Amino acid sequence: MTTRTPCALMMVRALVIAMVFGVGMSASTLAGSAEDPQEAAHAWRVHRGAYFDSLWGVDIVGVKLVSSGWMLQFKYRVTDPEKAKELLGNHAKPYLVDEASGAKLAVPAMENVGELRQAAVPEAGRTYFIIFGNANKIVQRGAKVSVEIGSFVADELIVE
């Protein structure tokens, strides 16, 4: 017996109701109707994760609101240190772009700490992070964002 998530059960029920009553609903309408940002982020990782693993040597963990929404944390796990070098170098400035507004958020630099990102020699299996400032709380939970670091671009990430 397989287990189903509450969201999957809701989709099945909605599909059955649509079939019984002849209501025209597409699968994409059902999937996006009441989708939880955490489930949407997981679906993104399932469908797009292999691309970033094979090309960039990273497994993207996700983007989360932190510090009461004033900052965003982008986390990724290194699977191939040689391919992941560009993400951890100091030569490329990382940005997080809100796809709805086009706002480009940068990494804040603290006086005694420096930039809130890790710059090191990548190690396989280790998880790294980058913190982006979210002034005025422009980016909210469930928003689609892109992370850009030099030629690395991860688009349509869902903020958890």
Protein backbone atom coordinates (compact mmCIF):
# COMPACT_ATOMS: atom_id res chain seq x y z
CA MET A 1 0.00 0.00 0.00
CA THR A 2 1.33 3.44 -0.89
CA THR A 3 0.95 6.50 1.30
CA ARG A 4 -0.41 9.72 -0.13
CA THR A 5 0.14 13.26 1.01
CA PRO A 6 -2.88 15.41 1.93
CA CYS A 7 -2.27 17.52 -1.18
CA ALA A 8 -2.30 14.42 -3.41
CA LEU A 9 -5.56 13.24 -1.83
CA MET A 10 -7.12 16.66 -2.41
CA MET A 11 -6.09 16.51 -6.07
CA VAL A 12 -7.58 13.02 -6.50
CA ARG A 13 -10.85 14.12 -4.85
CA ALA A 14 -11.03 17.23 -7.04
CA LEU A 15 -10.39 15.15 -10.15
CA VAL A 16 -13.12 12.64 -9.21
CA ILE A 17 -15.59 15.48 -8.54
CA ALA A 18 -14.64 17.10 -11.85
CA MET A 19 -15.20 13.82 -13.71
CA VAL A 20 -18.52 13.06 -11.98
CA PHE A 21 -19.98 16.54 -12.43
CA GLY A 22 -18.35 17.23 -15.79
CA VAL A 23 -16.45 20.24 -14.56
CA GLY A 24 -13.50 21.03 -16.85
CA MET A 25 -10.31 21.26 -14.82
CA SER A 26 -6.77 20.77 -16.01
CA ALA A 27 -4.12 18.92 -14.04
CA SER A 28 -2.10 22.13 -13.74
CA THR A 29 -5.10 23.92 -12.23
CA LEU A 30 -5.49 21.14 -9.68
CA ALA A 31 -1.78 21.08 -8.86
CA GLY A 32 -1.55 24.82 -8.31
CA SER A 33 -4.85 25.34 -6.53
CA ALA A 34 -3.79 25.00 -2.90
CA GLU A 35 -0.19 23.96 -3.22
CA ASP A 36 1.94 24.44 -0.15
CA PRO A 37 5.23 26.30 -0.87
CA GLN A 38 7.16 23.48 0.82
CA GLU A 39 5.57 20.89 -1.48
CA ALA A 40 6.15 23.12 -4.52
CA ALA A 41 9.81 23.51 -3.57
CA HIS A 42 10.13 19.74 -3.20
CA ALA A 43 8.54 19.24 -6.64
CA TRP A 44 11.06 21.72 -8.10
CA ARG A 45 13.95 19.73 -6.60
CA VAL A 46 12.56 16.45 -7.96
CA HIS A 47 12.11 17.80 -11.50
CA ARG A 48 15.11 20.14 -11.82
CA GLY A 49 17.62 18.87 -9.25
CA ALA A 50 19.39 16.40 -11.53
CA TYR A 51 20.30 19.21 -13.95
CA PHE A 52 22.17 21.18 -11.27
CA ASP A 53 23.80 18.04 -9.93
CA SER A 54 25.15 17.00 -13.34
CA LEU A 55 26.16 20.45 -14.60
CA TRP A 56 27.18 22.31 -11.42
CA GLY A 57 27.92 19.52 -8.93
CA VAL A 58 25.35 20.73 -6.39
CA ASP A 59 22.11 19.49 -4.90
CA ILE A 60 19.95 22.55 -4.22
CA VAL A 61 18.39 22.27 -0.76
CA GLY A 62 16.22 25.36 -1.18
CA VAL A 63 15.48 28.99 -0.36
CA LYS A 64 13.92 29.85 3.01
CA LEU A 65 12.85 33.02 4.75
CA VAL A 66 14.96 33.63 7.89
CA SER A 67 15.30 36.45 10.43
CA SER A 68 11.55 37.06 10.55
CA GLY A 69 11.45 37.51 6.77
CA TRP A 70 14.20 40.15 6.62
CA MET A 71 16.63 37.72 4.99
CA LEU A 72 16.58 34.72 2.67
CA GLN A 73 18.86 31.69 2.96
CA PHE A 74 19.88 29.77 -0.17
CA LYS A 75 21.32 26.34 0.74
CA TYR A 76 23.01 23.77 -1.47
CA ARG A 77 24.96 20.56 -0.91
CA VAL A 78 28.13 19.94 -2.95
CA THR A 79 28.19 16.63 -4.84
CA ASP A 80 31.16 17.37 -7.13
CA PRO A 81 33.71 19.85 -5.68
CA GLU A 82 35.38 20.54 -9.03
CA LYS A 83 32.12 21.57 -10.71
CA ALA A 84 30.96 23.60 -7.68
CA LYS A 85 34.02 25.87 -7.50
CA GLU A 86 32.29 28.86 -9.12
CA LEU A 87 29.56 28.93 -6.46
CA LEU A 88 32.07 29.19 -3.62
CA GLY A 89 34.55 31.61 -5.14
CA ASN A 90 34.78 35.31 -4.29
CA HIS A 91 35.03 36.46 -7.92
CA ALA A 92 31.30 36.30 -8.73
CA LYS A 93 28.75 38.31 -6.74
CA PRO A 94 25.60 36.32 -5.90
CA TYR A 95 22.14 37.85 -6.36
CA LEU A 96 18.63 36.64 -5.64
CA VAL A 97 16.02 37.98 -8.07
CA ASP A 98 12.31 38.09 -7.23
CA GLU A 99 10.66 36.94 -10.47
CA ALA A 100 7.40 38.84 -9.83
CA SER A 101 8.86 42.29 -9.10
CA GLY A 102 12.31 41.97 -10.68
CA ALA A 103 13.91 43.13 -7.40
CA LYS A 104 17.56 42.09 -7.23
CA LEU A 105 18.68 41.27 -3.67
CA ALA A 106 22.36 41.21 -2.71
CA VAL A 107 24.38 39.58 0.04
CA PRO A 108 24.67 41.97 2.99
CA ALA A 109 28.14 42.69 4.39
CA MET A 110 28.44 43.02 8.15
CA GLU A 111 31.15 45.27 9.59
CA ASN A 112 32.90 42.67 11.76
CA VAL A 113 31.86 39.53 9.88
CA GLY A 114 32.00 40.42 6.16
CA GLU A 115 29.62 39.03 3.55
CA LEU A 116 27.03 36.54 4.79
CA ARG A 117 28.13 33.76 2.46
CA GLN A 118 30.66 30.98 2.52
CA ALA A 119 33.72 31.19 0.29
CA ALA A 120 35.93 28.14 0.62
CA VAL A 121 37.31 25.14 -1.19
CA PRO A 122 34.24 22.96 -1.83
CA GLU A 123 33.99 19.60 -0.08
CA ALA A 124 31.76 16.77 -1.32
CA GLY A 125 28.78 16.13 0.95
CA ARG A 126 29.02 19.47 2.76
CA THR A 127 26.10 21.91 2.78
CA TYR A 128 26.79 25.60 2.12
CA PHE A 129 24.62 28.70 2.39
CA ILE A 130 24.29 32.26 1.12
CA ILE A 131 22.22 34.88 2.97
CA PHE A 132 20.45 37.60 0.95
CA GLY A 133 18.99 40.76 2.44
CA ASN A 134 15.22 41.16 2.00
CA ALA A 135 14.74 44.88 2.69
CA ASN A 136 11.08 45.87 3.01
CA LYS A 137 10.25 42.14 2.94
CA ILE A 138 9.77 42.24 -0.83
CA VAL A 139 10.05 38.46 -1.19
CA GLN A 140 7.38 36.44 0.62
CA ARG A 141 6.83 32.74 1.28
CA GLY A 142 5.71 30.96 -1.90
CA ALA A 143 7.37 33.50 -4.24
CA LYS A 144 9.38 32.34 -7.24
CA VAL A 145 12.99 33.55 -7.24
CA SER A 146 16.20 33.05 -9.18
CA VAL A 147 19.68 32.76 -7.72
CA GLU A 148 22.50 34.07 -9.91
CA ILE A 149 26.19 33.50 -9.17
CA GLY A 150 28.31 34.33 -12.23
CA SER A 151 27.11 32.01 -15.00
CA PHE A 152 25.19 29.83 -12.51
CA VAL A 153 21.44 30.55 -12.62
CA ALA A 154 18.81 28.58 -10.71
CA ASP A 155 15.42 29.99 -11.70
CA GLU A 156 11.86 29.44 -10.51
CA LEU A 157 12.96 28.39 -7.01
CA ILE A 158 10.06 28.46 -4.55
CA VAL A 159 10.65 30.31 -1.27
CA GLU A 160 9.71 28.12 1.71
